[in-house]
PDB file of N, CA and C in Angstrom:
ATOM      1  N   UNK A   1      70.155 109.011 100.023  1.00  0.00           N
ATOM      2  CA  UNK A   1      71.281 109.896 100.539  1.00  0.00           C
ATOM      3  C   UNK A   1      72.545 109.613  99.040  1.00  0.00           C
ATOM      4  N   UNK A   2      73.025 111.248  99.139  1.00  0.00           N
ATOM      5  CA  UNK A   2      74.185 110.894  98.111  1.00  0.00           C
ATOM      6  C   UNK A   2      75.594 111.243  99.175  1.00  0.00           C
ATOM      7  N   UNK A   3      76.445 110.647  98.405  1.00  0.00           N
ATOM      8  CA  UNK A   3      77.351 109.910  98.752  1.00  0.00           C
ATOM      9  C   UNK A   3      78.400 111.391  98.861  1.00  0.00           C
ATOM     10  N   UNK A   4      79.793 112.331  99.966  1.00  0.00           N
ATOM     11  CA  UNK A   4      80.103 113.162  99.431  1.00  0.00           C
ATOM     12  C   UNK A   4      81.501 112.035  98.201  1.00  0.00           C
ATOM     13  N   UNK A   5      82.214 113.172  97.277  1.00  0.00           N
ATOM     14  CA  UNK A   5      82.272 113.245  96.875  1.00  0.00           C
ATOM     15  C   UNK A   5      83.760 114.504  96.873  1.00  0.00           C
ATOM     16  N   UNK A   6      85.593 114.085  96.975  1.00  0.00           N
ATOM     17  CA  UNK A   6      86.427 113.850  97.452  1.00  0.00           C
ATOM     18  C   UNK A   6      87.388 114.217  96.586  1.00  0.00           C
ATOM     19  N   UNK A   7      88.647 115.047  96.257  1.00  0.00           N
ATOM     20  CA  UNK A   7      89.645 115.036  95.238  1.00  0.00           C
ATOM     21  C   UNK A   7      90.313 113.570  95.887  1.00  0.00           C
ATOM     22  N   UNK A   8      91.235 112.669  95.804  1.00  0.00           N
ATOM     23  CA  UNK A   8      91.961 110.833  95.757  1.00  0.00           C
ATOM     24  C   UNK A   8      92.569 111.563  96.960  1.00  0.00           C
ATOM     25  N   UNK A   9      93.472 112.061  97.299  1.00  0.00           N
ATOM     26  CA  UNK A   9      94.645 112.741  98.115  1.00  0.00           C
ATOM     27  C   UNK A   9      93.842 113.213  99.504  1.00  0.00           C
ATOM     28  N   UNK A  10      92.751 112.973  99.723  1.00  0.00           N
ATOM     29  CA  UNK A  10      91.813 113.757 101.120  1.00  0.00           C
ATOM     30  C   UNK A  10      91.820 112.040 101.558  1.00  0.00           C
ATOM     31  N   UNK A  11      92.045 111.427 100.557  1.00  0.00           N
ATOM     32  CA  UNK A  11      91.775 109.585 101.608  1.00  0.00           C
ATOM     33  C   UNK A  11      92.507 108.891 102.320  1.00  0.00           C
ATOM     34  N   UNK A  12      92.160 108.532 102.717  1.00  0.00           N
ATOM     35  CA  UNK A  12      92.691 107.979 103.969  1.00  0.00           C
ATOM     36  C   UNK A  12      93.438 106.016 103.372  1.00  0.00           C
ATOM     37  N   UNK A  13      94.622 105.795 103.848  1.00  0.00           N
ATOM     38  CA  UNK A  13      95.312 104.854 103.676  1.00  0.00           C
ATOM     39  C   UNK A  13      94.186 103.363 104.231  1.00  0.00           C
ATOM     40  N   UNK A  14      93.898 102.280 103.262  1.00  0.00           N
ATOM     41  CA  UNK A  14      93.501 101.053 103.733  1.00  0.00           C
ATOM     42  C   UNK A  14      91.681 101.597 102.579  1.00  0.00           C
ATOM     43  N   UNK A  15      91.564 102.605 102.816  1.00  0.00           N
ATOM     44  CA  UNK A  15      90.140 103.074 102.233  1.00  0.00           C
ATOM     45  C   UNK A  15      90.015 102.492 100.729  1.00  0.00           C
ATOM     46  N   UNK A  16      88.262 101.522 100.402  1.00  0.00           N
ATOM     47  CA  UNK A  16      87.765 101.742  99.173  1.00  0.00           C
ATOM     48  C   UNK A  16      87.350 102.375  98.688  1.00  0.00           C
ATOM     49  N   UNK A  17      87.897 103.093  97.629  1.00  0.00           N
ATOM     50  CA  UNK A  17      87.139 103.937  97.454  1.00  0.00           C
ATOM     51  C   UNK A  17      86.577 103.430  95.226  1.00  0.00           C
ATOM     52  N   UNK A  18      85.302 104.670  94.882  1.00  0.00           N
ATOM     53  CA  UNK A  18      85.742 104.748  93.406  1.00  0.00           C
ATOM     54  C   UNK A  18      85.830 105.713  92.656  1.00  0.00           C
ATOM     55  N   UNK A  19      85.804 105.509  91.686  1.00  0.00           N
ATOM     56  CA  UNK A  19      85.984 106.724  90.734  1.00  0.00           C
ATOM     57  C   UNK A  19      85.373 107.502  90.309  1.00  0.00           C
ATOM     58  N   UNK A  20      84.938 108.959  90.393  1.00  0.00           N
ATOM     59  CA  UNK A  20      83.377 108.562  90.493  1.00  0.00           C
ATOM     60  C   UNK A  20      83.361 110.777  89.172  1.00  0.00           C
ATOM     61  N   UNK A  21      84.698 110.989  89.318  1.00  0.00           N
ATOM     62  CA  UNK A  21      85.357 111.623  87.967  1.00  0.00           C
ATOM     63  C   UNK A  21      86.909 111.954  88.013  1.00  0.00           C
ATOM     64  N   UNK A  22      86.375 113.054  86.726  1.00  0.00           N
ATOM     65  CA  UNK A  22      88.454 113.669  86.670  1.00  0.00           C
ATOM     66  C   UNK A  22      88.443 115.230  85.781  1.00  0.00           C
ATOM     67  N   UNK A  23      88.481 115.662  87.171  1.00  0.00           N
ATOM     68  CA  UNK A  23      88.340 117.250  87.222  1.00  0.00           C
ATOM     69  C   UNK A  23      89.966 117.108  85.691  1.00  0.00           C
ATOM     70  N   UNK A  24      89.875 117.422  84.283  1.00  0.00           N
ATOM     71  CA  UNK A  24      91.116 117.162  84.027  1.00  0.00           C
ATOM     72  C   UNK A  24      90.468 117.945  82.965  1.00  0.00           C
ATOM     73  N   UNK A  25      91.511 117.896  81.276  1.00  0.00           N
ATOM     74  CA  UNK A  25      91.433 117.863  79.948  1.00  0.00           C
ATOM     75  C   UNK A  25      91.274 115.810  79.129  1.00  0.00           C
ATOM     76  N   UNK A  26      91.087 116.244  78.731  1.00  0.00           N
ATOM     77  CA  UNK A  26      91.086 114.817  77.645  1.00  0.00           C
ATOM     78  C   UNK A  26      92.363 114.077  77.647  1.00  0.00           C
ATOM     79  N   UNK A  27      93.633 115.477  77.744  1.00  0.00           N
ATOM     80  CA  UNK A  27      95.398 114.017  77.869  1.00  0.00           C
ATOM     81  C   UNK A  27      95.366 113.883  79.171  1.00  0.00           C
ATOM     82  N   UNK A  28      94.780 114.045  80.530  1.00  0.00           N
ATOM     83  CA  UNK A  28      94.516 113.369  81.919  1.00  0.00           C
ATOM     84  C   UNK A  28      93.616 112.672  81.669  1.00  0.00           C
ATOM     85  N   UNK A  29      92.810 111.961  81.122  1.00  0.00           N
ATOM     86  CA  UNK A  29      91.958 111.286  81.577  1.00  0.00           C
ATOM     87  C   UNK A  29      92.119 109.900  80.324  1.00  0.00           C
ATOM     88  N   UNK A  30      93.261 110.435  79.069  1.00  0.00           N
ATOM     89  CA  UNK A  30      93.262 109.203  78.674  1.00  0.00           C
ATOM     90  C   UNK A  30      94.686 108.924  79.406  1.00  0.00           C
ATOM     91  N   UNK A  31      95.647 109.546  80.107  1.00  0.00           N
ATOM     92  CA  UNK A  31      97.027 109.399  80.858  1.00  0.00           C
ATOM     93  C   UNK A  31      96.077 108.215  81.876  1.00  0.00           C
ATOM     94  N   UNK A  32      95.308 108.517  82.687  1.00  0.00           N
ATOM     95  CA  UNK A  32      94.712 107.675  83.956  1.00  0.00           C
ATOM     96  C   UNK A  32      93.556 106.233  83.023  1.00  0.00           C
ATOM     97  N   UNK A  33      93.218 106.194  81.987  1.00  0.00           N
ATOM     98  CA  UNK A  33      92.929 105.342  81.559  1.00  0.00           C
ATOM     99  C   UNK A  33      94.100 104.182  80.732  1.00  0.00           C
ATOM    100  N   UNK A  34      95.236 103.937  80.666  1.00  0.00           N
ATOM    101  CA  UNK A  34      95.982 104.405  80.026  1.00  0.00           C
ATOM    102  C   UNK A  34      96.689 103.122  81.047  1.00  0.00           C
ATOM    103  N   UNK A  35      96.245 104.192  82.508  1.00  0.00           N
ATOM    104  CA  UNK A  35      97.051 103.032  83.371  1.00  0.00           C
ATOM    105  C   UNK A  35      96.389 102.349  84.320  1.00  0.00           C
ATOM    106  N   UNK A  36      94.300 102.428  83.801  1.00  0.00           N
ATOM    107  CA  UNK A  36      93.509 101.718  83.815  1.00  0.00           C
ATOM    108  C   UNK A  36      92.834 101.744  84.931  1.00  0.00           C
ATOM    109  N   UNK A  37      92.954 103.163  85.308  1.00  0.00           N
ATOM    110  CA  UNK A  37      91.924 103.952  85.678  1.00  0.00           C
ATOM    111  C   UNK A  37      90.473 105.002  84.811  1.00  0.00           C
ATOM    112  N   UNK A  38      89.350 104.366  84.872  1.00  0.00           N
ATOM    113  CA  UNK A  38      88.057 104.258  84.309  1.00  0.00           C
ATOM    114  C   UNK A  38      87.268 104.424  85.579  1.00  0.00           C
ATOM    115  N   UNK A  39      86.358 105.877  85.070  1.00  0.00           N
ATOM    116  CA  UNK A  39      85.031 106.253  85.687  1.00  0.00           C
ATOM    117  C   UNK A  39      84.249 105.186  86.178  1.00  0.00           C
ATOM    118  N   UNK A  40      83.995 104.950  87.282  1.00  0.00           N
ATOM    119  CA  UNK A  40      82.989 104.027  87.690  1.00  0.00           C
ATOM    120  C   UNK A  40      83.666 102.780  88.883  1.00  0.00           C
ATOM    121  N   UNK A  41      85.174 102.902  88.608  1.00  0.00           N
ATOM    122  CA  UNK A  41      85.916 101.224  88.712  1.00  0.00           C
ATOM    123  C   UNK A  41      86.387 101.980  90.389  1.00  0.00           C
ATOM    124  N   UNK A  42      86.253 100.204  91.618  1.00  0.00           N
ATOM    125  CA  UNK A  42      86.568 100.733  92.438  1.00  0.00           C
ATOM    126  C   UNK A  42      88.014 100.462  92.911  1.00  0.00           C
ATOM    127  N   UNK A  43      88.884 100.528  93.598  1.00  0.00           N
ATOM    128  CA  UNK A  43      90.068 100.941  94.184  1.00  0.00           C
ATOM    129  C   UNK A  43      90.683 100.977  95.812  1.00  0.00           C
ATOM    130  N   UNK A  44      91.640 100.330  95.855  1.00  0.00           N
ATOM    131  CA  UNK A  44      91.597 100.724  97.534  1.00  0.00           C
ATOM    132  C   UNK A  44      93.951 101.897  97.042  1.00  0.00           C
ATOM    133  N   UNK A  45      93.347 102.206  98.176  1.00  0.00           N
ATOM    134  CA  UNK A  45      94.412 103.444  98.786  1.00  0.00           C
ATOM    135  C   UNK A  45      94.689 102.788  99.190  1.00  0.00           C
ATOM    136  N   UNK A  46      96.710 102.284  98.961  1.00  0.00           N
ATOM    137  CA  UNK A  46      97.590 101.515 100.303  1.00  0.00           C
ATOM    138  C   UNK A  46      98.265 102.417 100.968  1.00  0.00           C
ATOM    139  N   UNK A  47      99.260 103.339  99.909  1.00  0.00           N
ATOM    140  CA  UNK A  47      99.578 104.326 100.810  1.00  0.00           C
ATOM    141  C   UNK A  47      98.746 105.272 100.278  1.00  0.00           C
ATOM    142  N   UNK A  48      99.158 106.822 101.551  1.00  0.00           N
ATOM    143  CA  UNK A  48      99.348 108.070 101.294  1.00  0.00           C
ATOM    144  C   UNK A  48     100.529 108.388 102.844  1.00  0.00           C
ATOM    145  N   UNK A  49     101.783 109.060 101.306  1.00  0.00           N
ATOM    146  CA  UNK A  49     102.407 109.975 101.171  1.00  0.00           C
ATOM    147  C   UNK A  49     102.511 111.135 101.739  1.00  0.00           C
ATOM    148  N   UNK A  50     102.849 112.418 102.607  1.00  0.00           N
ATOM    149  CA  UNK A  50     102.645 113.797 102.921  1.00  0.00           C
ATOM    150  C   UNK A  50     103.265 114.506 101.821  1.00  0.00           C
ATOM    151  N   UNK A  51     104.379 113.516 100.803  1.00  0.00           N
ATOM    152  CA  UNK A  51     105.063 114.819 100.161  1.00  0.00           C
ATOM    153  C   UNK A  51     105.924 113.497  99.084  1.00  0.00           C
ATOM    154  N   UNK A  52     105.175 112.919  99.205  1.00  0.00           N
ATOM    155  CA  UNK A  52     104.973 111.505  97.586  1.00  0.00           C
ATOM    156  C   UNK A  52     104.529 111.553  96.832  1.00  0.00           C
ATOM    157  N   UNK A  53     103.659 110.307  95.855  1.00  0.00           N
ATOM    158  CA  UNK A  53     102.635 109.534  95.040  1.00  0.00           C
ATOM    159  C   UNK A  53     101.354 108.599  96.702  1.00  0.00           C
ATOM    160  N   UNK A  54     100.831 108.324  95.793  1.00  0.00           N
ATOM    161  CA  UNK A  54      99.935 107.488  96.250  1.00  0.00           C
ATOM    162  C   UNK A  54      99.912 106.401  95.957  1.00  0.00           C
ATOM    163  N   UNK A  55     100.546 105.191  96.704  1.00  0.00           N
ATOM    164  CA  UNK A  55      99.801 103.981  96.171  1.00  0.00           C
ATOM    165  C   UNK A  55      98.880 102.993  96.209  1.00  0.00           C
ATOM    166  N   UNK A  56      98.352 102.242  95.175  1.00  0.00           N
ATOM    167  CA  UNK A  56      96.867 102.011  94.943  1.00  0.00           C
ATOM    168  C   UNK A  56      96.984 100.942  94.683  1.00  0.00           C
ATOM    169  N   UNK A  57      95.798 100.272  94.902  1.00  0.00           N
ATOM    170  CA  UNK A  57      95.269  98.810  94.368  1.00  0.00           C
ATOM    171  C   UNK A  57      94.451  98.435  93.659  1.00  0.00           C
ATOM    172  N   UNK A  58      95.054  98.378  91.484  1.00  0.00           N
ATOM    173  CA  UNK A  58      93.991  98.782  90.901  1.00  0.00           C
ATOM    174  C   UNK A  58      93.963  97.314  90.479  1.00  0.00           C
ATOM    175  N   UNK A  59      92.927  96.555  90.344  1.00  0.00           N
ATOM    176  CA  UNK A  59      92.995  94.820  90.102  1.00  0.00           C
ATOM    177  C   UNK A  59      93.570  94.279  90.654  1.00  0.00           C
ATOM    178  N   UNK A  60      95.083  93.297  90.104  1.00  0.00           N
ATOM    179  CA  UNK A  60      95.854  92.621  90.835  1.00  0.00           C
ATOM    180  C   UNK A  60      97.785  93.205  91.085  1.00  0.00           C
ATOM    181  N   UNK A  61      97.174  95.103  90.801  1.00  0.00           N
ATOM    182  CA  UNK A  61      98.705  95.635  90.636  1.00  0.00           C
ATOM    183  C   UNK A  61      98.476  96.350  91.017  1.00  0.00           C
ATOM    184  N   UNK A  62      99.972  96.931  91.477  1.00  0.00           N
ATOM    185  CA  UNK A  62     100.185  98.439  92.854  1.00  0.00           C
ATOM    186  C   UNK A  62     100.330  99.547  91.238  1.00  0.00           C
ATOM    187  N   UNK A  63      99.694 100.609  91.862  1.00  0.00           N
ATOM    188  CA  UNK A  63      99.892 101.630  91.216  1.00  0.00           C
ATOM    189  C   UNK A  63     100.455 103.675  91.576  1.00  0.00           C
ATOM    190  N   UNK A  64     101.379 103.694  91.352  1.00  0.00           N
ATOM    191  CA  UNK A  64     101.640 104.914  92.044  1.00  0.00           C
ATOM    192  C   UNK A  64     101.010 106.762  91.577  1.00  0.00           C
ATOM    193  N   UNK A  65     100.831 107.177  92.269  1.00  0.00           N
ATOM    194  CA  UNK A  65     100.277 107.887  90.854  1.00  0.00           C
ATOM    195  C   UNK A  65     100.291 109.302  92.198  1.00  0.00           C
ATOM    196  N   UNK A  66     100.574 109.654  91.041  1.00  0.00           N
ATOM    197  CA  UNK A  66     101.801 111.669  91.891  1.00  0.00           C
ATOM    198  C   UNK A  66     100.327 112.511  92.192  1.00  0.00           C
ATOM    199  N   UNK A  67     100.772 113.366  93.708  1.00  0.00           N
ATOM    200  CA  UNK A  67      99.808 114.405  93.894  1.00  0.00           C
ATOM    201  C   UNK A  67      99.081 115.226  93.346  1.00  0.00           C
ATOM    202  N   UNK A  68      99.467 115.855  91.773  1.00  0.00           N
ATOM    203  CA  UNK A  68      99.348 116.255  91.294  1.00  0.00           C
ATOM    204  C   UNK A  68      98.618 115.929  90.535  1.00  0.00           C
ATOM    205  N   UNK A  69      97.879 114.771  90.313  1.00  0.00           N
ATOM    206  CA  UNK A  69      97.473 114.454  89.689  1.00  0.00           C
ATOM    207  C   UNK A  69      95.801 113.730  90.490  1.00  0.00           C
ATOM    208  N   UNK A  70      96.421 113.333  91.288  1.00  0.00           N
ATOM    209  CA  UNK A  70      94.937 112.420  92.776  1.00  0.00           C
ATOM    210  C   UNK A  70      94.186 114.712  93.101  1.00  0.00           C
ATOM    211  N   UNK A  71      94.675 115.210  92.835  1.00  0.00           N
ATOM    212  CA  UNK A  71      93.831 116.446  93.598  1.00  0.00           C
ATOM    213  C   UNK A  71      92.780 116.292  92.342  1.00  0.00           C
ATOM    214  N   UNK A  72      92.914 115.379  91.285  1.00  0.00           N
ATOM    215  CA  UNK A  72      92.503 115.669  90.225  1.00  0.00           C
ATOM    216  C   UNK A  72      91.056 114.623  90.345  1.00  0.00           C
ATOM    217  N   UNK A  73      91.804 113.938  90.630  1.00  0.00           N
ATOM    218  CA  UNK A  73      90.835 112.784  90.359  1.00  0.00           C
ATOM    219  C   UNK A  73      89.596 112.857  91.640  1.00  0.00           C
ATOM    220  N   UNK A  74      88.108 112.479  91.523  1.00  0.00           N
ATOM    221  CA  UNK A  74      86.936 112.335  92.688  1.00  0.00           C
ATOM    222  C   UNK A  74      86.846 111.017  92.782  1.00  0.00           C
ATOM    223  N   UNK A  75      86.619 110.984  93.773  1.00  0.00           N
ATOM    224  CA  UNK A  75      86.527 109.580  94.548  1.00  0.00           C
ATOM    225  C   UNK A  75      85.063 109.645  95.102  1.00  0.00           C
ATOM    226  N   UNK A  76      84.350 108.691  95.535  1.00  0.00           N
ATOM    227  CA  UNK A  76      83.481 108.632  97.456  1.00  0.00           C
ATOM    228  C   UNK A  76      83.979 107.845  97.681  1.00  0.00           C
ATOM    229  N   UNK A  77      83.932 107.019  99.019  1.00  0.00           N
ATOM    230  CA  UNK A  77      84.509 106.578  99.430  1.00  0.00           C
ATOM    231  C   UNK A  77      82.927 105.153  99.449  1.00  0.00           C
ATOM    232  N   UNK A  78      84.050 103.954  99.216  1.00  0.00           N
ATOM    233  CA  UNK A  78      82.529 103.101  98.939  1.00  0.00           C
ATOM    234  C   UNK A  78      82.032 101.771 100.389  1.00  0.00           C
TER     235      UNK A  78
END
């Protein structure tokens, strides 16, 4: 059974997801890695603001990710 991939902005609040891909260049991949987001890791979406950033719970910290970046981050629901 295959699990559907979707952009991070399509995920609902409270969902736990796994990062499966990044649709961007080397700079975006490096920026996300510097923030602690690497392919294969799981994290929880705490808040989805319709006009603002997404708030993520990554390991023991919270991270705000802009919608532009979030459209390029591909995830699957765990």
